[in-house]
Amino acid sequence: MKRRLVVALVFILAVGLCGGLVWFNFFRDKMISQFFANMQPPPQTVSAAKVEAKAWTPSISAIGTAKAANGVELAFETPGIVKEIKFKANQNVREGEVLVQLDDTVERADIQDVQAAVKTAESSFERAKTLSARGFGTEANLDQASALLAAARSRLARLQATLEQKALKAPFSGVIGIPRIDVGQYLQPGTVIASFQDLSSMKVDFTVPEQRAGEISLGQEVRVGLTETDLPFKARVTGKDPRVDPKTRLVSVQALVEDNKSGAILPGQFLHVEVILPEQPNVITLPQTAVITSLYGDYVYTIEQEERAGQQVQVVRQVFVKTGRRRGGALEVISGVQPGQQVVASGQNKLQAGSVVKIDNTIDVTKLDTTKLASGQ
C-alpha cells in the first residue's frame, strides 16, 4: 500500500515538473517576443537639407583648348647664317627687341655702293632739271635722269629691307620659348626659331551642341578652369561660327580670358568651360548627395515627425523624384518634393523606409566637393 502511494506521489511530481517546464518555455518565448516587439532600434545619424526654391543660374558645360591671344612660331623670311642669338628660354621680351641676328656683312657692303649710286643719280637729276629749266636740256634727258634716280632709290630700299629681315625682332611683348637653332647654323626661309607667346590674355576655343548654339551671344560671361569643380577665370564670348560642323553637329565658339598675368593658363592647355546663361527664379533645388539613383528611378528620403511609443520621433519616407539640370553641388528637382520639406543629404546607405533618424548637420554637405564624395574621398 505504501509502495503504491509513493509511486503515485512520484508520478504526480513528475507530471507537475514536466508541466511547469512546458509552461516556463511558453512564458519565456512570449516575454522575449514582447520585448523585441516593443524594443525600438536606435536612431540612425544623418545630415539633412531643406528643399528650397531659389534663383538658378543655368549654364552650358564644354571642354576647351587654350591659346595665346597673341602667339606665333617665329621664323625668318630670308636665308642666312645665324650670327648671334640674343635671347634665353622663357625670357620676357618687349616688342621690337632683336632676338636673332643673321650674318649681314655682304648686305652692309652692298648698301654703301648703292648709297653712293643714289647720290650720283640725285646729282645727275638736279643737273638735268636745271638745264631743262634754262632751255639747254631736253625732256628726254630729264626723264632718263629721273628714272635712274628712282632705280637707285629702289635698290637702296630693297637692300635696307633685306638688312631688316636679317634681324628677327619681337612682333609684340611676350615670353619666348626654347631656342631651336644654333650659332653658325644656315637657315632656310620658314625655319622655326622658337615659340613666342603673350600670356597676359588667352583665347579659349570650345564647341557646343547645335541645339544650344542659339543660347550663346557675343559678350556672354564664361567661366574657365583647369578642373570641373574649380573655374576661377572669367572670360567673355568674342566669336561664334555662323555654321554647324556637318560631321560633329557642333558649333565652334571662342572666348577671351583678359587677365592671365599669373600665367596659370598655358597655350594648348585642356580647360573646362562653363557658359553662364540668364538667371531663372523659383527653381526647386536639392544637394546632389540627397538623390539616390536606382533601377526604378531617382528617389530621396524625406524626414517627417511621427509618434511611436508615446514619443515624437523623426522617421524617413522614400519619395521618388524627377530631376533636371545640375550645377556645382546642386540639382534641380522638377517634381516629387516641395519647398520647406527636409530630406536626408548624407547617410542614406544605412536607411530604409520608416527608419528612425537623428539629424547632425555638423558638416554641411552642400559645400563639399561632390566629385570627392562620389569617389569616397
Protein backbone atom coordinates (compact mmCIF):
# COMPACT_ATOMS: atom_id res chain seq x y z
CA MET A 1 0.00 0.00 0.00
CA LYS A 2 2.75 2.34 0.94
CA ARG A 3 4.64 1.43 -2.18
CA ARG A 4 1.67 2.37 -4.35
CA LEU A 5 1.30 5.71 -2.57
CA VAL A 6 4.98 6.55 -3.13
CA VAL A 7 4.73 5.66 -6.83
CA ALA A 8 1.61 7.83 -7.15
CA LEU A 9 3.31 10.77 -5.47
CA VAL A 10 6.40 10.40 -7.68
CA PHE A 11 4.20 10.28 -10.78
CA ILE A 12 2.27 13.38 -9.71
CA LEU A 13 5.53 15.25 -9.04
CA ALA A 14 6.97 14.20 -12.40
CA VAL A 15 3.83 15.34 -14.26
CA GLY A 16 3.87 18.67 -12.40
CA LEU A 17 7.53 19.18 -13.14
CA CYS A 18 7.03 18.48 -16.86
CA GLY A 19 4.01 20.79 -16.96
CA GLY A 20 5.98 23.54 -15.23
CA LEU A 21 8.82 23.22 -17.72
CA VAL A 22 6.42 23.40 -20.65
CA TRP A 23 4.68 26.46 -19.15
CA PHE A 24 8.03 28.15 -18.47
CA ASN A 25 9.14 27.69 -22.06
CA PHE A 26 5.90 29.18 -23.42
CA PHE A 27 6.13 32.06 -20.93
CA ARG A 28 9.79 32.72 -21.81
CA ASP A 29 9.11 32.77 -25.58
CA LYS A 30 6.14 35.07 -25.07
CA MET A 31 8.13 37.54 -22.98
CA ILE A 32 11.03 37.53 -25.44
CA SER A 33 8.63 38.24 -28.34
CA GLN A 34 7.02 41.07 -26.42
CA PHE A 35 10.43 42.50 -25.57
CA PHE A 36 11.64 42.59 -29.17
CA ALA A 37 8.25 43.77 -30.40
CA ASN A 38 8.36 46.79 -28.09
CA MET A 39 12.08 47.48 -28.47
CA GLN A 40 12.81 50.38 -30.87
CA PRO A 41 16.03 50.29 -32.94
CA PRO A 42 18.46 53.13 -32.15
CA PRO A 43 18.07 56.18 -34.42
CA GLN A 44 20.49 56.46 -37.34
CA THR A 45 22.54 59.67 -37.53
CA VAL A 46 22.16 61.53 -40.84
CA SER A 47 22.64 65.03 -42.17
CA ALA A 48 19.64 66.86 -43.58
CA ALA A 49 18.97 69.61 -46.09
CA LYS A 50 15.91 71.73 -46.73
CA VAL A 51 14.19 71.76 -50.11
CA GLU A 52 14.45 75.33 -51.40
CA ALA A 53 13.04 77.36 -54.27
CA LYS A 54 15.70 79.86 -55.25
CA ALA A 55 17.28 81.60 -58.21
CA TRP A 56 19.05 79.20 -60.55
CA THR A 57 21.84 80.20 -62.91
CA PRO A 58 21.85 77.67 -65.77
CA SER A 59 24.94 77.08 -67.83
CA ILE A 60 26.37 75.15 -70.76
CA SER A 61 29.38 72.98 -69.93
CA ALA A 62 32.06 72.30 -72.52
CA ILE A 63 35.68 71.30 -72.98
CA GLY A 64 38.06 73.86 -74.47
CA THR A 65 41.63 74.42 -75.57
CA ALA A 66 43.65 77.49 -74.65
CA LYS A 67 45.79 79.51 -76.98
CA ALA A 68 47.52 82.86 -76.54
CA ALA A 69 45.66 85.94 -77.73
CA ASN A 70 48.98 86.72 -79.49
CA GLY A 71 51.14 83.70 -80.20
CA VAL A 72 53.40 82.75 -83.10
CA GLU A 73 56.17 80.38 -84.11
CA LEU A 74 58.98 82.79 -85.01
CA ALA A 75 60.77 82.26 -88.33
CA PHE A 76 62.97 84.16 -90.80
CA GLU A 77 61.74 85.32 -94.20
CA THR A 78 65.21 85.23 -95.73
CA PRO A 79 68.02 82.64 -95.68
CA GLY A 80 71.30 83.17 -93.87
CA ILE A 81 73.78 82.03 -91.26
CA VAL A 82 73.00 82.62 -87.57
CA LYS A 83 75.43 85.23 -86.26
CA GLU A 84 74.02 85.87 -82.78
CA ILE A 85 71.18 84.54 -80.57
CA LYS A 86 70.14 87.35 -78.21
CA PHE A 87 67.56 85.61 -76.04
CA LYS A 88 67.31 82.82 -73.48
CA ALA A 89 64.50 80.35 -72.91
CA ASN A 90 61.46 81.75 -71.05
CA GLN A 91 62.77 85.29 -71.26
CA ASN A 92 60.27 88.17 -71.18
CA VAL A 93 60.79 90.22 -74.32
CA ARG A 94 59.49 93.66 -75.27
CA GLU A 95 58.06 94.47 -78.67
CA GLY A 96 60.76 95.42 -81.20
CA GLU A 97 63.71 93.78 -79.40
CA VAL A 98 66.14 91.91 -81.68
CA LEU A 99 66.04 88.18 -80.90
CA VAL A 100 68.30 86.63 -83.57
CA GLN A 101 70.78 88.27 -85.92
CA LEU A 102 71.82 86.68 -89.22
CA ASP A 103 75.14 87.48 -90.89
CA ASP A 104 74.61 90.69 -92.92
CA THR A 105 78.21 91.52 -93.89
CA VAL A 106 77.57 91.33 -97.65
CA GLU A 107 74.40 93.41 -97.47
CA ARG A 108 76.09 96.14 -95.44
CA ALA A 109 78.95 96.30 -98.00
CA ASP A 110 76.47 96.48 -100.90
CA ILE A 111 74.44 99.23 -99.25
CA GLN A 112 77.42 101.60 -99.25
CA ASP A 113 77.82 101.13 -103.01
CA VAL A 114 74.09 101.69 -103.60
CA GLN A 115 74.04 104.79 -101.37
CA ALA A 116 76.86 106.25 -103.49
CA ALA A 117 74.89 105.43 -106.65
CA VAL A 118 71.85 107.21 -105.22
CA LYS A 119 73.88 110.35 -104.54
CA THR A 120 75.26 110.27 -108.09
CA ALA A 121 71.78 109.82 -109.53
CA GLU A 122 70.46 112.70 -107.40
CA SER A 123 73.22 114.99 -108.70
CA SER A 124 72.55 113.99 -112.31
CA PHE A 125 68.83 114.60 -111.86
CA GLU A 126 69.34 118.05 -110.33
CA ARG A 127 71.72 118.97 -113.18
CA ALA A 128 69.28 117.76 -115.84
CA LYS A 129 66.47 119.61 -114.10
CA THR A 130 68.44 122.89 -114.04
CA LEU A 131 69.46 122.59 -117.71
CA SER A 132 65.88 121.82 -118.71
CA ALA A 133 64.62 124.88 -116.79
CA ARG A 134 67.13 127.13 -118.63
CA GLY A 135 66.28 125.61 -122.01
CA PHE A 136 69.61 123.87 -122.51
CA GLY A 137 68.44 120.32 -121.84
CA THR A 138 65.83 118.09 -123.41
CA GLU A 139 62.86 116.46 -121.72
CA ALA A 140 64.29 113.06 -122.66
CA ASN A 141 67.46 113.72 -120.67
CA LEU A 142 65.40 114.84 -117.68
CA ASP A 143 63.21 111.73 -117.85
CA GLN A 144 66.24 109.48 -118.11
CA ALA A 145 67.88 111.11 -115.07
CA SER A 146 64.62 110.77 -113.11
CA ALA A 147 64.36 107.07 -114.00
CA LEU A 148 67.97 106.41 -112.97
CA LEU A 149 67.35 108.14 -109.63
CA ALA A 150 64.19 106.12 -108.99
CA ALA A 151 66.02 102.85 -109.81
CA ALA A 152 68.89 103.72 -107.45
CA ARG A 153 66.50 104.58 -104.63
CA SER A 154 64.60 101.32 -105.24
CA ARG A 155 67.81 99.26 -104.94
CA LEU A 156 68.64 101.09 -101.71
CA ALA A 157 65.17 100.42 -100.24
CA ARG A 158 65.42 96.75 -101.23
CA LEU A 159 68.81 96.37 -99.54
CA GLN A 160 67.57 98.15 -96.41
CA ALA A 161 64.57 95.77 -96.30
CA THR A 162 66.92 92.80 -96.64
CA LEU A 163 69.02 94.15 -93.77
CA GLU A 164 65.86 94.46 -91.66
CA GLN A 165 64.97 90.85 -92.44
CA LYS A 166 68.40 89.71 -91.25
CA ALA A 167 67.42 90.84 -87.72
CA LEU A 168 64.46 88.96 -86.23
CA LYS A 169 62.53 91.28 -83.89
CA ALA A 170 59.77 90.57 -81.36
CA PRO A 171 56.41 91.36 -83.04
CA PHE A 172 54.83 92.06 -79.63
CA SER A 173 55.70 91.81 -75.93
CA GLY A 174 55.66 88.28 -74.53
CA VAL A 175 57.57 85.21 -73.40
CA ILE A 176 59.89 83.37 -75.77
CA GLY A 177 60.45 79.63 -75.55
CA ILE A 178 63.37 77.27 -76.10
CA PRO A 179 65.69 78.27 -78.99
CA ARG A 180 65.63 75.67 -81.79
CA ILE A 181 68.71 76.93 -83.63
CA ASP A 182 72.45 77.29 -83.01
CA VAL A 183 75.01 79.97 -83.82
CA GLY A 184 76.59 79.27 -87.20
CA GLN A 185 73.62 77.28 -88.48
CA TYR A 186 72.41 78.01 -92.01
CA LEU A 187 68.69 78.74 -92.03
CA GLN A 188 66.23 78.36 -94.87
CA PRO A 189 63.25 80.73 -95.05
CA GLY A 190 60.49 79.49 -92.74
CA THR A 191 62.77 77.68 -90.26
CA VAL A 192 61.16 77.97 -86.81
CA ILE A 193 63.36 79.82 -84.33
CA ALA A 194 61.25 79.50 -81.15
CA SER A 195 57.70 79.71 -79.86
CA PHE A 196 56.70 83.23 -78.83
CA GLN A 197 53.57 83.77 -76.71
CA ASP A 198 51.88 86.69 -74.98
CA LEU A 199 50.45 85.00 -71.83
CA SER A 200 48.74 88.09 -70.40
CA SER A 201 45.47 87.19 -72.14
CA MET A 202 44.28 83.86 -73.53
CA LYS A 203 41.76 82.69 -76.08
CA VAL A 204 39.69 79.60 -75.34
CA ASP A 205 38.26 77.58 -78.23
CA PHE A 206 35.37 75.20 -77.46
CA THR A 207 32.29 73.71 -79.08
CA VAL A 208 28.64 73.44 -78.09
CA PRO A 209 25.81 71.24 -79.45
CA GLU A 210 23.89 72.77 -82.35
CA GLN A 211 20.68 72.70 -80.26
CA ARG A 212 22.21 75.12 -77.75
CA ALA A 213 24.09 77.42 -80.12
CA GLY A 214 21.21 79.92 -80.07
CA GLU A 215 21.70 80.47 -76.32
CA ILE A 216 25.20 81.88 -76.85
CA SER A 217 25.80 85.51 -77.81
CA LEU A 218 28.78 87.87 -78.03
CA GLY A 219 29.88 89.30 -74.70
CA GLN A 220 28.32 86.46 -72.69
CA GLU A 221 30.06 85.54 -69.43
CA VAL A 222 32.16 82.38 -69.40
CA ARG A 223 33.92 80.62 -66.51
CA VAL A 224 37.13 78.74 -67.19
CA GLY A 225 39.29 76.45 -65.07
CA LEU A 226 41.66 73.51 -65.02
CA THR A 227 39.16 71.27 -63.19
CA GLU A 228 35.41 70.83 -63.48
CA THR A 229 34.74 71.98 -59.92
CA ASP A 230 37.10 74.98 -59.87
CA LEU A 231 36.51 77.63 -62.54
CA PRO A 232 38.31 80.75 -61.23
CA PHE A 233 38.94 82.57 -64.52
CA LYS A 234 36.39 84.93 -66.06
CA ALA A 235 36.08 85.25 -69.82
CA ARG A 236 33.76 86.73 -72.44
CA VAL A 237 32.48 85.22 -75.67
CA THR A 238 34.22 87.00 -78.55
CA GLY A 239 33.08 84.91 -81.50
CA LYS A 240 30.80 82.14 -82.71
CA ASP A 241 30.94 80.34 -86.05
CA PRO A 242 27.90 81.04 -88.26
CA ARG A 243 27.71 77.37 -89.30
CA VAL A 244 27.34 73.91 -87.80
CA ASP A 245 30.05 71.34 -88.46
CA PRO A 246 28.20 68.69 -90.51
CA LYS A 247 30.45 65.91 -89.18
CA THR A 248 30.20 66.62 -85.45
CA ARG A 249 26.94 68.66 -85.33
CA LEU A 250 28.79 71.16 -83.11
CA VAL A 251 29.27 74.92 -83.29
CA SER A 252 32.68 76.45 -82.57
CA VAL A 253 32.86 79.27 -80.00
CA GLN A 254 35.76 81.41 -78.81
CA ALA A 255 36.10 83.28 -75.51
CA LEU A 256 38.80 85.64 -74.23
CA VAL A 257 40.37 85.48 -70.76
CA GLU A 258 41.67 89.02 -70.36
CA ASP A 259 43.57 88.51 -67.09
CA ASN A 260 46.14 85.73 -67.17
CA LYS A 261 49.08 87.68 -65.84
CA SER A 262 49.87 84.90 -63.38
CA GLY A 263 50.47 82.56 -66.34
CA ALA A 264 48.23 79.86 -64.82
CA ILE A 265 46.74 79.07 -68.24
CA LEU A 266 49.19 77.98 -70.93
CA PRO A 267 48.65 77.74 -74.69
CA GLY A 268 47.44 74.30 -75.75
CA GLN A 269 46.11 73.50 -72.26
CA PHE A 270 42.96 71.41 -71.72
CA LEU A 271 40.28 73.51 -69.98
CA HIS A 272 36.81 73.12 -68.52
CA VAL A 273 34.40 75.79 -69.76
CA GLU A 274 31.03 76.91 -68.43
CA VAL A 275 28.93 79.43 -70.35
CA ILE A 276 26.70 81.36 -67.92
CA LEU A 277 23.07 81.74 -69.04
CA PRO A 278 20.42 84.21 -67.72
CA GLU A 279 19.22 83.59 -64.16
CA GLN A 280 15.89 81.79 -63.57
CA PRO A 281 13.81 82.40 -60.38
CA ASN A 282 11.98 79.90 -58.11
CA VAL A 283 13.71 76.70 -59.15
CA ILE A 284 13.40 73.84 -56.62
CA THR A 285 16.86 72.51 -55.76
CA LEU A 286 18.50 69.87 -53.58
CA PRO A 287 22.09 68.88 -52.86
CA GLN A 288 23.20 66.25 -55.38
CA THR A 289 24.13 63.95 -52.49
CA ALA A 290 20.46 63.78 -51.41
CA VAL A 291 19.27 62.00 -54.57
CA ILE A 292 19.75 58.24 -54.93
CA THR A 293 19.60 56.57 -58.33
CA SER A 294 18.09 53.09 -58.61
CA LEU A 295 16.70 50.76 -61.28
CA TYR A 296 13.23 52.13 -60.53
CA GLY A 297 14.20 55.80 -60.72
CA ASP A 298 15.65 58.59 -58.59
CA TYR A 299 14.41 58.96 -55.03
CA VAL A 300 15.08 60.80 -51.78
CA TYR A 301 14.37 60.15 -48.11
CA THR A 302 12.11 62.83 -46.64
CA ILE A 303 12.17 63.39 -42.86
CA GLU A 304 8.82 63.54 -41.03
CA GLN A 305 7.63 63.67 -37.40
CA GLU A 306 5.82 60.56 -36.08
CA GLU A 307 4.64 59.35 -32.67
CA ARG A 308 5.99 55.99 -31.52
CA ALA A 309 5.55 54.51 -28.05
CA GLY A 310 4.20 57.84 -26.87
CA GLN A 311 7.21 59.78 -28.14
CA GLN A 312 7.73 62.09 -31.11
CA VAL A 313 10.48 60.74 -33.37
CA GLN A 314 11.83 61.61 -36.80
CA VAL A 315 11.31 58.94 -39.44
CA VAL A 316 12.15 58.78 -43.13
CA ARG A 317 9.88 58.13 -46.11
CA GLN A 318 11.05 57.08 -49.56
CA VAL A 319 9.84 59.54 -52.22
CA PHE A 320 10.57 59.23 -55.95
CA VAL A 321 11.54 62.48 -57.71
CA LYS A 322 12.08 63.72 -61.24
CA THR A 323 15.38 65.57 -61.62
CA GLY A 324 16.63 68.13 -64.11
CA ARG A 325 19.78 70.18 -64.51
CA ARG A 326 22.90 70.08 -62.34
CA ARG A 327 25.18 72.93 -61.35
CA GLY A 328 28.00 72.69 -58.85
CA GLY A 329 26.69 70.63 -55.93
CA ALA A 330 23.03 71.50 -56.58
CA LEU A 331 20.39 69.53 -58.50
CA GLU A 332 17.13 70.79 -59.96
CA VAL A 333 14.03 68.82 -58.87
CA ILE A 334 11.10 69.03 -61.29
CA SER A 335 8.60 67.03 -59.20
CA GLY A 336 8.31 64.86 -56.07
CA VAL A 337 9.12 67.29 -53.24
CA GLN A 338 8.01 70.76 -52.20
CA PRO A 339 9.90 73.73 -50.74
CA GLY A 340 10.21 73.53 -46.96
CA GLN A 341 10.50 69.74 -46.73
CA GLN A 342 13.56 68.19 -45.15
CA VAL A 343 15.44 65.41 -46.89
CA VAL A 344 18.40 63.24 -45.93
CA ALA A 345 21.54 64.71 -47.50
CA SER A 346 24.00 62.01 -46.41
CA GLY A 347 23.92 58.69 -44.56
CA GLN A 348 21.26 57.04 -46.77
CA ASN A 349 23.20 53.77 -47.11
CA LYS A 350 22.03 52.66 -43.62
CA LEU A 351 18.35 53.65 -44.05
CA GLN A 352 15.14 52.06 -45.20
CA ALA A 353 11.62 53.43 -45.33
CA GLY A 354 10.35 54.04 -41.78
CA SER A 355 13.79 54.21 -40.13
CA VAL A 356 14.15 56.50 -37.14
CA VAL A 357 16.84 59.11 -37.63
CA LYS A 358 18.75 61.74 -35.70
CA ILE A 359 19.91 64.85 -37.56
CA ASP A 360 23.51 66.01 -37.24
CA ASN A 361 24.45 68.88 -39.56
CA THR A 362 27.93 69.42 -38.15
CA ILE A 363 29.29 69.01 -41.70
CA ASP A 364 27.48 70.95 -44.43
CA VAL A 365 27.48 68.53 -47.38
CA THR A 366 26.19 71.26 -49.71
CA LYS A 367 29.64 72.88 -49.54
CA LEU A 368 31.65 69.74 -50.17
CA ASP A 369 33.21 68.68 -53.47
CA THR A 370 30.62 66.29 -54.93
CA THR A 371 33.23 64.55 -57.07
CA LYS A 372 35.18 63.61 -53.94
CA LEU A 373 32.00 62.42 -52.22
CA ALA A 374 31.19 60.24 -55.17
CA SER A 375 34.64 58.68 -55.14
CA GLY A 376 34.59 58.20 -51.37
CA GLN A 377 37.26 60.82 -50.61
